[in-house]
Every structure is written in structure tokens, then in C-alpha cells.
Amino acid sequence: MNPAETAVVGLLSFVLLALIVWRYIRSPHWPSLVLNLAGLFLYLFLLRLLFGFPTPHVEIAKGPAHTNFLPIAFAMFTCMVLGMASEALYQYFDAPADKRRFDIGTFVKPFLVSPLVFMPLAASLENANLDLSQFDAPRLMVFLVAFENGFLWRGYFSRKLAESTRGSVSTG
């Protein structure tokens, strides 16, 4: 991470910690505090593991760029999961106001199939030589496609299921 990104993430992490403490002071509930702090710790741990946070460093590339696929895959997976959550909210708000009902199963179901939707996307971009240090339009498109795959997961999953069913019926 460059110094500006490190400063922004650090500041926002501190704001999240302050909000967690403030929420606990307003309504003391130990399980909620522990869960929120564990989530923040996991978030910071993943940032440390994937990007070396909080150590800011600037690398000057000489020669061909060597990209680490794990941070890019994690970012694409996050975009895809956000697309899945957006689709669930879209379905919720698309229903008539008198028939809106939040069903946790409908919201969680896409996340259970997310690895199946993500595998083809990750495989297709594994050798794309993407580098997140220069974020331009083609690199943005990769993340928008990941978001789109998440948003349209039902159609993708239904099509793949139909293909596998057709394949097993014709061979059997």
C-alpha cells in the first residue's frame, strides 16, 4: 500500500474502533462488542497478510511486473460478494412495499454458492498479469465484471446447473 492508502485505511480503522466502543457505551452488550472487535481484528489481519498493512511502502518497478494473484483474487471475490448482496437488496426493494419481507435464507444463499461462481472468473483471469498499483479503466473492468458475476449469480448458476444436468442425461 502506498502511504496515502495506508493513512486512509488506518484512519478508517480507528473510526470503526471508535464507533464500536461508542455503540458499546450506549448499549452495553458483551457478545456484540466481542463480535465487532473480532471482525475488526480479522479485517486488519487480512490487510496485514495481503497488503502488509500498516507498513507503507512504495516500490519502483524495474522490468516486468510480477503480480501476486492472491490480493487480486481477494479483491475480485469481494466485488463479487458485494454484487451478490446488491442483487439481494435489489430483489427486496423491487418487491411491492406491502409484500416486502426480509428472508435471511434468501440473503445468505448466494454466499454459499459464491466459490462456485467465482472459480471460472478467477481461472479466466489467472494469467492476465494484472497489477493493482496502476488502477486504470481495463483493471476497473475486471472488478466490475466480478461485481456483475455476483449480481447475476442466479442466471449463471441456473445455466451451469442446466448444462451439467443435460450432460449427465445424455451420457446416461
Protein backbone atom coordinates (compact mmCIF):
# COMPACT_ATOMS: atom_id res chain seq x y z
CA MET A 1 0.00 0.00 0.00
CA ASN A 2 1.22 3.46 -0.72
CA PRO A 3 1.40 5.98 2.15
CA ALA A 4 -1.89 7.70 1.25
CA GLU A 5 -3.80 4.41 1.16
CA THR A 6 -2.20 3.34 4.43
CA ALA A 7 -3.24 6.62 6.08
CA VAL A 8 -6.84 6.35 4.84
CA VAL A 9 -7.19 2.70 5.91
CA GLY A 10 -5.60 3.46 9.28
CA LEU A 11 -7.89 6.44 9.88
CA LEU A 12 -11.00 4.48 8.89
CA SER A 13 -9.95 1.56 11.08
CA PHE A 14 -9.64 3.95 14.01
CA VAL A 15 -13.09 5.39 13.20
CA LEU A 16 -14.53 1.86 13.14
CA LEU A 17 -12.95 1.14 16.52
CA ALA A 18 -14.38 4.39 17.92
CA LEU A 19 -17.85 3.50 16.58
CA ILE A 20 -17.65 0.04 18.13
CA VAL A 21 -16.71 1.49 21.53
CA TRP A 22 -19.34 4.25 21.27
CA ARG A 23 -22.02 1.69 20.41
CA TYR A 24 -20.99 -0.45 23.37
CA ILE A 25 -21.12 2.56 25.73
CA ARG A 26 -24.62 3.44 24.51
CA SER A 27 -25.95 -0.09 24.96
CA PRO A 28 -23.59 -2.48 26.76
CA HIS A 29 -23.85 -5.90 25.20
CA TRP A 30 -20.73 -8.08 25.53
CA PRO A 31 -21.42 -10.54 22.70
CA SER A 32 -21.94 -7.69 20.24
CA LEU A 33 -18.73 -5.98 21.39
CA VAL A 34 -16.70 -9.19 21.09
CA LEU A 35 -18.13 -9.95 17.63
CA ASN A 36 -17.47 -6.42 16.36
CA LEU A 37 -13.92 -6.37 17.72
CA ALA A 38 -13.25 -9.82 16.26
CA GLY A 39 -14.50 -8.63 12.86
CA LEU A 40 -12.27 -5.55 13.00
CA PHE A 41 -9.30 -7.66 14.08
CA LEU A 42 -9.92 -10.13 11.21
CA TYR A 43 -10.17 -7.22 8.76
CA LEU A 44 -6.85 -5.75 9.96
CA PHE A 45 -5.22 -9.18 9.99
CA LEU A 46 -6.25 -9.80 6.36
CA LEU A 47 -4.95 -6.35 5.39
CA ARG A 48 -1.65 -7.21 7.06
CA LEU A 49 -1.49 -10.61 5.42
CA LEU A 50 -2.44 -9.47 1.92
CA PHE A 51 -1.01 -5.96 1.68
CA GLY A 52 1.49 -5.58 4.52
CA PHE A 53 -0.66 -3.01 6.34
CA PRO A 54 0.27 -0.78 8.24
CA THR A 55 3.74 -0.59 6.73
CA PRO A 56 3.58 1.93 3.90
CA HIS A 57 6.00 1.23 1.10
CA VAL A 58 6.44 2.44 -2.42
CA GLU A 59 8.02 0.16 -4.96
CA ILE A 60 9.53 1.34 -8.18
CA ALA A 61 9.15 -1.36 -10.77
CA LYS A 62 12.11 -2.21 -12.96
CA GLY A 63 11.41 -4.74 -15.64
CA PRO A 64 8.28 -6.83 -15.98
CA ALA A 65 5.81 -6.55 -13.16
CA HIS A 66 5.39 -9.63 -11.01
CA THR A 67 1.87 -9.67 -9.64
CA ASN A 68 0.65 -11.63 -6.69
CA PHE A 69 -2.64 -13.28 -7.62
CA LEU A 70 -3.94 -13.61 -4.04
CA PRO A 71 -4.67 -9.89 -3.38
CA ILE A 72 -6.28 -9.52 -6.80
CA ALA A 73 -8.38 -12.65 -6.29
CA PHE A 74 -9.43 -11.42 -2.84
CA ALA A 75 -10.44 -8.03 -4.26
CA MET A 76 -12.36 -9.70 -7.11
CA PHE A 77 -14.09 -12.06 -4.68
CA THR A 78 -15.06 -9.09 -2.50
CA CYS A 79 -16.53 -7.32 -5.55
CA MET A 80 -18.45 -10.45 -6.48
CA VAL A 81 -19.85 -10.83 -2.95
CA LEU A 82 -20.87 -7.16 -2.96
CA GLY A 83 -22.66 -7.85 -6.26
CA MET A 84 -24.50 -10.76 -4.62
CA ALA A 85 -25.53 -8.59 -1.69
CA SER A 86 -26.64 -5.86 -4.09
CA GLU A 87 -28.77 -8.34 -6.02
CA ALA A 88 -30.46 -9.49 -2.81
CA LEU A 89 -31.20 -5.87 -1.85
CA TYR A 90 -32.40 -5.16 -5.38
CA GLN A 91 -34.86 -8.07 -5.14
CA TYR A 92 -36.02 -6.78 -1.75
CA PHE A 93 -36.62 -3.23 -2.99
CA ASP A 94 -38.13 -4.45 -6.28
CA ALA A 95 -40.99 -6.15 -4.41
CA PRO A 96 -44.13 -4.09 -3.70
CA ALA A 97 -43.87 -2.27 -0.37
CA ASP A 98 -46.70 -4.25 1.20
CA LYS A 99 -45.09 -7.59 0.20
CA ARG A 100 -41.51 -6.82 1.24
CA ARG A 101 -40.17 -9.37 3.65
CA PHE A 102 -36.53 -9.83 4.53
CA ASP A 103 -35.63 -13.52 4.47
CA ILE A 104 -32.19 -14.34 5.85
CA GLY A 105 -32.05 -17.54 3.79
CA THR A 106 -32.53 -15.63 0.55
CA PHE A 107 -29.77 -13.24 1.60
CA VAL A 108 -27.29 -15.97 2.66
CA LYS A 109 -27.89 -18.41 -0.21
CA PRO A 110 -25.70 -16.54 -2.76
CA PHE A 111 -22.75 -16.52 -0.38
CA LEU A 112 -22.97 -20.30 -0.06
CA VAL A 113 -22.55 -20.75 -3.82
CA SER A 114 -20.04 -17.90 -4.21
CA PRO A 115 -16.99 -20.17 -4.63
CA LEU A 116 -18.74 -21.98 -7.49
CA VAL A 117 -19.48 -18.70 -9.25
CA PHE A 118 -16.00 -17.31 -8.54
CA MET A 119 -13.90 -20.24 -9.80
CA PRO A 120 -14.45 -19.62 -13.55
CA LEU A 121 -13.82 -15.90 -13.13
CA ALA A 122 -10.59 -16.46 -11.22
CA ALA A 123 -9.43 -19.11 -13.68
CA SER A 124 -10.05 -16.85 -16.65
CA LEU A 125 -8.02 -14.01 -15.13
CA GLU A 126 -5.22 -16.03 -13.52
CA ASN A 127 -2.74 -15.31 -16.32
CA ALA A 128 -3.98 -11.80 -17.12
CA ASN A 129 -0.91 -10.13 -15.49
CA LEU A 130 -2.96 -7.59 -13.56
CA ASP A 131 -1.20 -5.13 -11.32
CA LEU A 132 -3.21 -3.11 -8.81
CA SER A 133 -0.53 -0.44 -8.44
CA GLN A 134 -1.77 1.26 -11.63
CA PHE A 135 -5.54 1.33 -11.47
CA ASP A 136 -6.96 2.32 -14.87
CA ALA A 137 -10.06 1.52 -16.94
CA PRO A 138 -9.10 -2.06 -18.01
CA ARG A 139 -8.31 -3.02 -14.42
CA LEU A 140 -11.54 -1.40 -13.23
CA MET A 141 -13.43 -3.54 -15.74
CA VAL A 142 -12.08 -6.70 -14.08
CA PHE A 143 -13.68 -5.69 -10.79
CA LEU A 144 -16.89 -4.57 -12.47
CA VAL A 145 -17.13 -7.97 -14.19
CA ALA A 146 -16.65 -9.62 -10.79
CA PHE A 147 -19.45 -7.44 -9.37
CA GLU A 148 -21.62 -8.34 -12.38
CA ASN A 149 -20.98 -12.06 -11.87
CA GLY A 150 -22.13 -11.63 -8.29
CA PHE A 151 -25.20 -9.63 -9.24
CA LEU A 152 -26.21 -12.10 -11.94
CA TRP A 153 -25.29 -15.21 -9.95
CA ARG A 154 -28.77 -16.78 -10.25
CA GLY A 155 -28.69 -16.83 -14.05
CA TYR A 156 -25.11 -18.08 -14.14
CA PHE A 157 -25.78 -20.79 -11.58
CA SER A 158 -29.01 -21.90 -13.31
CA ARG A 159 -27.26 -22.09 -16.69
CA LYS A 160 -24.36 -24.16 -15.31
CA LEU A 161 -26.77 -26.46 -13.46
CA ALA A 162 -28.79 -26.99 -16.66
CA GLU A 163 -25.60 -27.73 -18.62
CA SER A 164 -24.46 -30.30 -16.07
CA THR A 165 -27.93 -31.90 -15.97
CA ARG A 166 -28.03 -32.07 -19.78
CA GLY A 167 -24.56 -33.64 -19.81
CA SER A 168 -25.47 -36.30 -17.26
CA VAL A 169 -28.76 -37.15 -19.02
CA SER A 170 -27.14 -37.52 -22.47
CA THR A 171 -24.32 -39.76 -21.15
CA GLY A 172 -26.63 -41.91 -19.03
